[in-house]
Structures are given as C-alpha cells and as structure tokens.
Full PDB file with SEQRES, HELIX, SHEET, SSBOND, CRYST1, ORIGX, SCALE, CONECT and MASTER records, all heavy atoms in Angstrom:
SEQRES   1 A   36  THR ALA THR GLY ALA GLN LEU ARG THR GLN VAL ALA ALA          
SEQRES   2 A   36  ALA ARG ALA TYR LEU ARG ALA SER GLY LEU GLY ARG GLY          
SEQRES   3 A   36  ASP ARG CYS ALA LEU VAL ALA PRO ASN SER                      
HELIX    1 AA1 GLY A    4  ARG A   19  1                                  16    
CRYST1    1.000    1.000    1.000  90.00  90.00  90.00 P 1           1          
ORIGX1      1.000000  0.000000  0.000000        0.00000                         
ORIGX2      0.000000  1.000000  0.000000        0.00000                         
ORIGX3      0.000000  0.000000  1.000000        0.00000                         
SCALE1      1.000000  0.000000  0.000000        0.00000                         
SCALE2      0.000000  1.000000  0.000000        0.00000                         
SCALE3      0.000000  0.000000  1.000000        0.00000                         
ATOM      1  N   THR A   1      37.916 100.541 -58.148  1.00  0.00           N  
ATOM      2  CA  THR A   1      38.319  99.712 -57.034  1.00  0.00           C  
ATOM      3  C   THR A   1      37.395  98.539 -56.765  1.00  0.00           C  
ATOM      4  O   THR A   1      36.209  98.592 -57.263  1.00  0.00           O  
ATOM      5  CB  THR A   1      38.475 100.513 -55.727  1.00  0.00           C  
ATOM      6  OG1 THR A   1      37.265 101.042 -55.408  1.00  0.00           O  
ATOM      7  CG2 THR A   1      39.502 101.636 -55.945  1.00  0.00           C  
ATOM      8  N   ALA A   2      37.863  97.477 -56.129  1.00  0.00           N  
ATOM      9  CA  ALA A   2      37.066  96.353 -55.625  1.00  0.00           C  
ATOM     10  C   ALA A   2      37.380  96.055 -54.290  1.00  0.00           C  
ATOM     11  O   ALA A   2      38.621  95.885 -53.965  1.00  0.00           O  
ATOM     12  CB  ALA A   2      37.275  95.264 -56.642  1.00  0.00           C  
ATOM     13  N   THR A   3      36.402  96.006 -53.437  1.00  0.00           N  
ATOM     14  CA  THR A   3      36.629  95.570 -51.958  1.00  0.00           C  
ATOM     15  C   THR A   3      36.606  94.123 -51.980  1.00  0.00           C  
ATOM     16  O   THR A   3      36.278  93.498 -52.998  1.00  0.00           O  
ATOM     17  CB  THR A   3      35.525  96.152 -51.078  1.00  0.00           C  
ATOM     18  OG1 THR A   3      34.239  95.542 -51.580  1.00  0.00           O  
ATOM     19  CG2 THR A   3      35.474  97.628 -51.213  1.00  0.00           C  
ATOM     20  N   GLY A   4      36.924  93.501 -50.802  1.00  0.00           N  
ATOM     21  CA  GLY A   4      36.905  92.005 -50.658  1.00  0.00           C  
ATOM     22  C   GLY A   4      35.469  91.526 -50.960  1.00  0.00           C  
ATOM     23  O   GLY A   4      35.301  90.534 -51.643  1.00  0.00           O  
ATOM     24  N   ALA A   5      34.415  92.250 -50.528  1.00  0.00           N  
ATOM     25  CA  ALA A   5      33.042  91.775 -50.752  1.00  0.00           C  
ATOM     26  C   ALA A   5      32.698  91.867 -52.264  1.00  0.00           C  
ATOM     27  O   ALA A   5      32.084  90.971 -52.784  1.00  0.00           O  
ATOM     28  CB  ALA A   5      32.083  92.630 -49.900  1.00  0.00           C  
ATOM     29  N   GLN A   6      33.118  92.972 -52.861  1.00  0.00           N  
ATOM     30  CA  GLN A   6      32.817  93.084 -54.258  1.00  0.00           C  
ATOM     31  C   GLN A   6      33.551  91.971 -55.149  1.00  0.00           C  
ATOM     32  O   GLN A   6      33.018  91.473 -56.046  1.00  0.00           O  
ATOM     33  CB  GLN A   6      33.244  94.465 -54.757  1.00  0.00           C  
ATOM     34  CG  GLN A   6      32.299  95.564 -54.273  1.00  0.00           C  
ATOM     35  CD  GLN A   6      32.867  96.945 -54.397  1.00  0.00           C  
ATOM     36  OE1 GLN A   6      34.105  97.180 -54.531  1.00  0.00           O  
ATOM     37  NE2 GLN A   6      32.032  97.970 -54.513  1.00  0.00           N  
ATOM     38  N   LEU A   7      34.826  91.729 -54.839  1.00  0.00           N  
ATOM     39  CA  LEU A   7      35.492  90.745 -55.538  1.00  0.00           C  
ATOM     40  C   LEU A   7      34.822  89.352 -55.321  1.00  0.00           C  
ATOM     41  O   LEU A   7      34.720  88.557 -56.219  1.00  0.00           O  
ATOM     42  CB  LEU A   7      36.993  90.739 -55.103  1.00  0.00           C  
ATOM     43  CG  LEU A   7      37.883  89.705 -55.892  1.00  0.00           C  
ATOM     44  CD1 LEU A   7      37.872  90.037 -57.372  1.00  0.00           C  
ATOM     45  CD2 LEU A   7      39.300  89.867 -55.337  1.00  0.00           C  
ATOM     46  N   ARG A   8      34.397  89.101 -54.062  1.00  0.00           N  
ATOM     47  CA  ARG A   8      33.794  87.787 -53.725  1.00  0.00           C  
ATOM     48  C   ARG A   8      32.497  87.692 -54.630  1.00  0.00           C  
ATOM     49  O   ARG A   8      32.141  86.580 -55.072  1.00  0.00           O  
ATOM     50  CB  ARG A   8      33.383  87.803 -52.265  1.00  0.00           C  
ATOM     51  CG  ARG A   8      33.091  86.473 -51.708  1.00  0.00           C  
ATOM     52  CD  ARG A   8      34.366  85.640 -51.508  1.00  0.00           C  
ATOM     53  NE  ARG A   8      34.234  84.603 -50.547  1.00  0.00           N  
ATOM     54  CZ  ARG A   8      33.753  83.364 -50.676  1.00  0.00           C  
ATOM     55  NH1 ARG A   8      33.346  82.946 -51.858  1.00  0.00           N  
ATOM     56  NH2 ARG A   8      33.743  82.492 -49.685  1.00  0.00           N  
ATOM     57  N   THR A   9      31.680  88.741 -54.679  1.00  0.00           N  
ATOM     58  CA  THR A   9      30.465  88.746 -55.556  1.00  0.00           C  
ATOM     59  C   THR A   9      30.783  88.500 -56.997  1.00  0.00           C  
ATOM     60  O   THR A   9      30.049  87.714 -57.625  1.00  0.00           O  
ATOM     61  CB  THR A   9      29.751  90.006 -55.401  1.00  0.00           C  
ATOM     62  OG1 THR A   9      29.373  90.175 -53.982  1.00  0.00           O  
ATOM     63  CG2 THR A   9      28.496  90.057 -56.177  1.00  0.00           C  
ATOM     64  N   GLN A  10      31.832  89.064 -57.539  1.00  0.00           N  
ATOM     65  CA  GLN A  10      32.224  88.879 -58.931  1.00  0.00           C  
ATOM     66  C   GLN A  10      32.664  87.390 -59.128  1.00  0.00           C  
ATOM     67  O   GLN A  10      32.339  86.799 -60.176  1.00  0.00           O  
ATOM     68  CB  GLN A  10      33.330  89.885 -59.280  1.00  0.00           C  
ATOM     69  CG  GLN A  10      32.815  91.317 -59.362  1.00  0.00           C  
ATOM     70  CD  GLN A  10      33.922  92.327 -59.600  1.00  0.00           C  
ATOM     71  OE1 GLN A  10      35.110  91.934 -59.471  1.00  0.00           O  
ATOM     72  NE2 GLN A  10      33.594  93.516 -59.750  1.00  0.00           N  
ATOM     73  N   VAL A  11      33.413  86.923 -58.195  1.00  0.00           N  
ATOM     74  CA  VAL A  11      33.826  85.483 -58.291  1.00  0.00           C  
ATOM     75  C   VAL A  11      32.576  84.563 -58.272  1.00  0.00           C  
ATOM     76  O   VAL A  11      32.453  83.647 -59.029  1.00  0.00           O  
ATOM     77  CB  VAL A  11      34.689  85.045 -57.123  1.00  0.00           C  
ATOM     78  CG1 VAL A  11      34.986  83.568 -57.077  1.00  0.00           C  
ATOM     79  CG2 VAL A  11      36.115  85.771 -57.203  1.00  0.00           C  
ATOM     80  N   ALA A  12      31.537  84.870 -57.455  1.00  0.00           N  
ATOM     81  CA  ALA A  12      30.349  84.105 -57.414  1.00  0.00           C  
ATOM     82  C   ALA A  12      29.578  84.150 -58.757  1.00  0.00           C  
ATOM     83  O   ALA A  12      29.086  83.161 -59.207  1.00  0.00           O  
ATOM     84  CB  ALA A  12      29.458  84.472 -56.158  1.00  0.00           C  
ATOM     85  N   ALA A  13      29.571  85.393 -59.351  1.00  0.00           N  
ATOM     86  CA  ALA A  13      28.843  85.460 -60.625  1.00  0.00           C  
ATOM     87  C   ALA A  13      29.594  84.711 -61.651  1.00  0.00           C  
ATOM     88  O   ALA A  13      28.957  84.017 -62.468  1.00  0.00           O  
ATOM     89  CB  ALA A  13      28.838  87.012 -61.034  1.00  0.00           C  
ATOM     90  N   ALA A  14      30.895  84.782 -61.681  1.00  0.00           N  
ATOM     91  CA  ALA A  14      31.647  83.955 -62.695  1.00  0.00           C  
ATOM     92  C   ALA A  14      31.488  82.476 -62.465  1.00  0.00           C  
ATOM     93  O   ALA A  14      31.317  81.669 -63.392  1.00  0.00           O  
ATOM     94  CB  ALA A  14      33.117  84.379 -62.629  1.00  0.00           C  
ATOM     95  N   ARG A  15      31.397  82.016 -61.160  1.00  0.00           N  
ATOM     96  CA  ARG A  15      31.261  80.638 -60.844  1.00  0.00           C  
ATOM     97  C   ARG A  15      29.802  80.174 -61.337  1.00  0.00           C  
ATOM     98  O   ARG A  15      29.717  79.029 -61.869  1.00  0.00           O  
ATOM     99  CB  ARG A  15      31.388  80.383 -59.409  1.00  0.00           C  
ATOM    100  CG  ARG A  15      32.805  80.499 -58.947  1.00  0.00           C  
ATOM    101  CD  ARG A  15      33.015  80.109 -57.509  1.00  0.00           C  
ATOM    102  NE  ARG A  15      32.738  78.735 -57.329  1.00  0.00           N  
ATOM    103  CZ  ARG A  15      32.690  78.033 -56.189  1.00  0.00           C  
ATOM    104  NH1 ARG A  15      32.809  78.734 -55.015  1.00  0.00           N  
ATOM    105  NH2 ARG A  15      32.478  76.755 -56.102  1.00  0.00           N  
ATOM    106  N   ALA A  16      28.899  81.046 -61.194  1.00  0.00           N  
ATOM    107  CA  ALA A  16      27.499  80.638 -61.597  1.00  0.00           C  
ATOM    108  C   ALA A  16      27.442  80.478 -63.185  1.00  0.00           C  
ATOM    109  O   ALA A  16      26.816  79.550 -63.665  1.00  0.00           O  
ATOM    110  CB  ALA A  16      26.476  81.804 -61.242  1.00  0.00           C  
ATOM    111  N   TYR A  17      28.148  81.348 -63.863  1.00  0.00           N  
ATOM    112  CA  TYR A  17      28.207  81.205 -65.377  1.00  0.00           C  
ATOM    113  C   TYR A  17      28.955  79.910 -65.730  1.00  0.00           C  
ATOM    114  O   TYR A  17      28.453  79.180 -66.551  1.00  0.00           O  
ATOM    115  CB  TYR A  17      28.958  82.449 -65.965  1.00  0.00           C  
ATOM    116  CG  TYR A  17      29.072  82.360 -67.433  1.00  0.00           C  
ATOM    117  CD1 TYR A  17      28.006  82.979 -68.213  1.00  0.00           C  
ATOM    118  CD2 TYR A  17      30.033  81.637 -68.131  1.00  0.00           C  
ATOM    119  CE1 TYR A  17      28.093  82.983 -69.605  1.00  0.00           C  
ATOM    120  CE2 TYR A  17      30.043  81.649 -69.523  1.00  0.00           C  
ATOM    121  CZ  TYR A  17      29.108  82.266 -70.182  1.00  0.00           C  
ATOM    122  OH  TYR A  17      29.104  82.210 -71.614  1.00  0.00           O  
ATOM    123  N   LEU A  18      30.109  79.672 -65.095  1.00  0.00           N  
ATOM    124  CA  LEU A  18      30.882  78.439 -65.388  1.00  0.00           C  
ATOM    125  C   LEU A  18      30.095  77.200 -65.069  1.00  0.00           C  
ATOM    126  O   LEU A  18      30.199  76.182 -65.774  1.00  0.00           O  
ATOM    127  CB  LEU A  18      32.150  78.547 -64.641  1.00  0.00           C  
ATOM    128  CG  LEU A  18      33.189  79.578 -65.093  1.00  0.00           C  
ATOM    129  CD1 LEU A  18      34.319  79.633 -64.170  1.00  0.00           C  
ATOM    130  CD2 LEU A  18      33.624  79.467 -66.487  1.00  0.00           C  
ATOM    131  N   ARG A  19      29.389  77.179 -63.958  1.00  0.00           N  
ATOM    132  CA  ARG A  19      28.571  76.061 -63.479  1.00  0.00           C  
ATOM    133  C   ARG A  19      27.525  75.753 -64.491  1.00  0.00           C  
ATOM    134  O   ARG A  19      27.181  74.475 -64.655  1.00  0.00           O  
ATOM    135  CB  ARG A  19      28.000  76.330 -62.206  1.00  0.00           C  
ATOM    136  CG  ARG A  19      27.311  75.216 -61.471  1.00  0.00           C  
ATOM    137  CD  ARG A  19      27.186  75.430 -59.991  1.00  0.00           C  
ATOM    138  NE  ARG A  19      28.504  75.392 -59.323  1.00  0.00           N  
ATOM    139  CZ  ARG A  19      28.518  74.999 -58.008  1.00  0.00           C  
ATOM    140  NH1 ARG A  19      27.550  74.715 -57.302  1.00  0.00           N  
ATOM    141  NH2 ARG A  19      29.772  74.973 -57.460  1.00  0.00           N  
ATOM    142  N   ALA A  20      27.004  76.632 -65.188  1.00  0.00           N  
ATOM    143  CA  ALA A  20      26.019  76.429 -66.234  1.00  0.00           C  
ATOM    144  C   ALA A  20      26.553  76.109 -67.640  1.00  0.00           C  
ATOM    145  O   ALA A  20      25.799  75.863 -68.579  1.00  0.00           O  
ATOM    146  CB  ALA A  20      25.068  77.614 -66.331  1.00  0.00           C  
ATOM    147  N   SER A  21      27.923  76.099 -67.764  1.00  0.00           N  
ATOM    148  CA  SER A  21      28.536  75.978 -69.011  1.00  0.00           C  
ATOM    149  C   SER A  21      28.659  74.655 -69.529  1.00  0.00           C  
ATOM    150  O   SER A  21      28.961  74.307 -70.643  1.00  0.00           O  
ATOM    151  CB  SER A  21      29.939  76.612 -69.006  1.00  0.00           C  
ATOM    152  OG  SER A  21      30.752  75.817 -68.180  1.00  0.00           O  
ATOM    153  N   GLY A  22      28.456  73.608 -68.711  1.00  0.00           N  
ATOM    154  CA  GLY A  22      28.580  72.228 -69.001  1.00  0.00           C  
ATOM    155  C   GLY A  22      29.966  71.678 -68.863  1.00  0.00           C  
ATOM    156  O   GLY A  22      30.257  70.457 -69.116  1.00  0.00           O  
ATOM    157  N   LEU A  23      30.906  72.422 -68.380  1.00  0.00           N  
ATOM    158  CA  LEU A  23      32.263  71.881 -68.124  1.00  0.00           C  
ATOM    159  C   LEU A  23      32.247  70.952 -66.926  1.00  0.00           C  
ATOM    160  O   LEU A  23      31.440  71.059 -66.010  1.00  0.00           O  
ATOM    161  CB  LEU A  23      33.228  73.047 -67.906  1.00  0.00           C  
ATOM    162  CG  LEU A  23      33.490  74.091 -68.998  1.00  0.00           C  
ATOM    163  CD1 LEU A  23      34.534  75.085 -68.587  1.00  0.00           C  
ATOM    164  CD2 LEU A  23      33.909  73.367 -70.298  1.00  0.00           C  
ATOM    165  N   GLY A  24      33.284  70.006 -67.006  1.00  0.00           N  
ATOM    166  CA  GLY A  24      33.371  69.060 -65.914  1.00  0.00           C  
ATOM    167  C   GLY A  24      34.685  69.292 -65.143  1.00  0.00           C  
ATOM    168  O   GLY A  24      35.562  69.974 -65.672  1.00  0.00           O  
ATOM    169  N   ARG A  25      34.813  68.680 -64.018  1.00  0.00           N  
ATOM    170  CA  ARG A  25      36.090  68.890 -63.254  1.00  0.00           C  
ATOM    171  C   ARG A  25      37.267  68.477 -64.036  1.00  0.00           C  
ATOM    172  O   ARG A  25      37.286  67.460 -64.674  1.00  0.00           O  
ATOM    173  CB  ARG A  25      35.998  68.062 -61.957  1.00  0.00           C  
ATOM    174  CG  ARG A  25      37.208  68.298 -61.025  1.00  0.00           C  
ATOM    175  CD  ARG A  25      37.070  67.545 -59.728  1.00  0.00           C  
ATOM    176  NE  ARG A  25      38.240  67.791 -58.929  1.00  0.00           N  
ATOM    177  CZ  ARG A  25      38.243  68.590 -57.817  1.00  0.00           C  
ATOM    178  NH1 ARG A  25      37.110  69.218 -57.448  1.00  0.00           N  
ATOM    179  NH2 ARG A  25      39.367  68.804 -57.175  1.00  0.00           N  
ATOM    180  N   GLY A  26      38.276  69.355 -63.995  1.00  0.00           N  
ATOM    181  CA  GLY A  26      39.466  69.092 -64.744  1.00  0.00           C  
ATOM    182  C   GLY A  26      39.528  69.543 -66.185  1.00  0.00           C  
ATOM    183  O   GLY A  26      40.603  69.522 -66.871  1.00  0.00           O  
ATOM    184  N   ASP A  27      38.361  70.086 -66.662  1.00  0.00           N  
ATOM    185  CA  ASP A  27      38.408  70.665 -68.001  1.00  0.00           C  
ATOM    186  C   ASP A  27      39.213  71.946 -68.014  1.00  0.00           C  
ATOM    187  O   ASP A  27      39.273  72.696 -66.991  1.00  0.00           O  
ATOM    188  CB  ASP A  27      36.919  70.961 -68.471  1.00  0.00           C  
ATOM    189  CG  ASP A  27      36.241  69.729 -68.969  1.00  0.00           C  
ATOM    190  OD1 ASP A  27      36.911  68.704 -69.175  1.00  0.00           O  
ATOM    191  OD2 ASP A  27      35.007  69.732 -69.018  1.00  0.00           O  
ATOM    192  N   ARG A  28      39.810  72.229 -69.169  1.00  0.00           N  
ATOM    193  CA  ARG A  28      40.659  73.399 -69.319  1.00  0.00           C  
ATOM    194  C   ARG A  28      39.907  74.547 -69.825  1.00  0.00           C  
ATOM    195  O   ARG A  28      39.109  74.483 -70.827  1.00  0.00           O  
ATOM    196  CB  ARG A  28      41.834  73.110 -70.220  1.00  0.00           C  
ATOM    197  CG  ARG A  28      42.827  72.197 -69.601  1.00  0.00           C  
ATOM    198  CD  ARG A  28      42.623  70.728 -69.835  1.00  0.00           C  
ATOM    199  NE  ARG A  28      43.532  69.800 -69.161  1.00  0.00           N  
ATOM    200  CZ  ARG A  28      44.658  69.387 -69.601  1.00  0.00           C  
ATOM    201  NH1 ARG A  28      45.113  69.814 -70.761  1.00  0.00           N  
ATOM    202  NH2 ARG A  28      45.406  68.571 -68.922  1.00  0.00           N  
ATOM    203  N   CYS A  29      40.068  75.733 -69.206  1.00  0.00           N  
ATOM    204  CA  CYS A  29      39.394  76.949 -69.562  1.00  0.00           C  
ATOM    205  C   CYS A  29      40.379  78.023 -69.900  1.00  0.00           C  
ATOM    206  O   CYS A  29      41.144  78.480 -69.013  1.00  0.00           O  
ATOM    207  CB  CYS A  29      38.478  77.427 -68.435  1.00  0.00           C  
ATOM    208  SG  CYS A  29      37.443  78.878 -68.745  1.00  0.00           S  
ATOM    209  N   ALA A  30      40.386  78.513 -71.146  1.00  0.00           N  
ATOM    210  CA  ALA A  30      41.336  79.654 -71.475  1.00  0.00           C  
ATOM    211  C   ALA A  30      40.828  81.028 -71.020  1.00  0.00           C  
ATOM    212  O   ALA A  30      39.641  81.184 -71.034  1.00  0.00           O  
ATOM    213  CB  ALA A  30      41.515  79.633 -73.016  1.00  0.00           C  
ATOM    214  N   LEU A  31      41.813  81.806 -70.651  1.00  0.00           N  
ATOM    215  CA  LEU A  31      41.514  83.151 -70.167  1.00  0.00           C  
ATOM    216  C   LEU A  31      42.340  84.100 -70.903  1.00  0.00           C  
ATOM    217  O   LEU A  31      43.596  84.202 -70.701  1.00  0.00           O  
ATOM    218  CB  LEU A  31      41.778  83.198 -68.592  1.00  0.00           C  
ATOM    219  CG  LEU A  31      41.020  84.161 -67.764  1.00  0.00           C  
ATOM    220  CD1 LEU A  31      41.431  83.886 -66.320  1.00  0.00           C  
ATOM    221  CD2 LEU A  31      41.321  85.563 -68.171  1.00  0.00           C  
ATOM    222  N   VAL A  32      41.780  84.764 -71.869  1.00  0.00           N  
ATOM    223  CA  VAL A  32      42.478  85.582 -72.831  1.00  0.00           C  
ATOM    224  C   VAL A  32      42.014  87.067 -72.700  1.00  0.00           C  
ATOM    225  O   VAL A  32      40.993  87.376 -73.286  1.00  0.00           O  
ATOM    226  CB  VAL A  32      42.377  85.101 -74.286  1.00  0.00           C  
ATOM    227  CG1 VAL A  32      43.409  85.782 -75.130  1.00  0.00           C  
ATOM    228  CG2 VAL A  32      42.475  83.631 -74.371  1.00  0.00           C  
ATOM    229  N   ALA A  33      42.783  87.855 -71.954  1.00  0.00           N  
ATOM    230  CA  ALA A  33      42.320  89.216 -71.620  1.00  0.00           C  
ATOM    231  C   ALA A  33      43.428  89.998 -70.980  1.00  0.00           C  
ATOM    232  O   ALA A  33      44.323  89.298 -70.285  1.00  0.00           O  
ATOM    233  CB  ALA A  33      41.047  89.271 -70.852  1.00  0.00           C  
ATOM    234  N   PRO A  34      43.442  91.331 -71.079  1.00  0.00           N  
ATOM    235  CA  PRO A  34      44.378  92.046 -70.242  1.00  0.00           C  
ATOM    236  C   PRO A  34      44.151  91.914 -68.744  1.00  0.00           C  
ATOM    237  O   PRO A  34      43.022  91.521 -68.335  1.00  0.00           O  
ATOM    238  CB  PRO A  34      44.194  93.450 -70.795  1.00  0.00           C  
ATOM    239  CG  PRO A  34      43.438  93.384 -72.043  1.00  0.00           C  
ATOM    240  CD  PRO A  34      42.624  92.121 -71.871  1.00  0.00           C  
ATOM    241  N   ASN A  35      45.065  92.325 -67.905  1.00  0.00           N  
ATOM    242  CA  ASN A  35      44.885  92.395 -66.529  1.00  0.00           C  
ATOM    243  C   ASN A  35      43.663  93.302 -66.168  1.00  0.00           C  
ATOM    244  O   ASN A  35      43.475  94.356 -66.756  1.00  0.00           O  
ATOM    245  CB  ASN A  35      46.075  93.021 -65.837  1.00  0.00           C  
ATOM    246  CG  ASN A  35      47.301  92.136 -65.982  1.00  0.00           C  
ATOM    247  OD1 ASN A  35      47.302  91.056 -66.488  1.00  0.00           O  
ATOM    248  ND2 ASN A  35      48.392  92.646 -65.330  1.00  0.00           N  
ATOM    249  N   SER A  36      42.846  92.849 -65.155  1.00  0.00           N  
ATOM    250  CA  SER A  36      41.724  93.620 -64.641  1.00  0.00           C  
ATOM    251  C   SER A  36      41.259  92.908 -63.391  1.00  0.00           C  
ATOM    252  O   SER A  36      41.615  91.832 -63.005  1.00  0.00           O  
ATOM    253  CB  SER A  36      40.653  93.687 -65.687  1.00  0.00           C  
ATOM    254  OG  SER A  36      40.062  92.446 -65.927  1.00  0.00           O  
TER     255      SER A  36                                                      
MASTER        0    0    0    1    0    0    0    6  254    1    0    3          
END                                                                             
C-alpha cells in the first residue's frame, strides 16, 4: 500500500531525478511499465 504521504514522497523523489535529467519544459518522457 501507499498512503498519501508515501505517494507524495515518491513523487518528490521522481521529480528530483527528472530535474537532474537535463530535460526542459515541454519535453516528452516515455513511461513504459505495467501499472504500479
């Protein structure tokens, strides 16, 4: 399970990774994975 706080933390971790990726606003990011 994931609570609201846990999901918020996971979103923040993913945003930190993306922010360091060098992408710019409007760039397209593919998401290829099963539901989770």
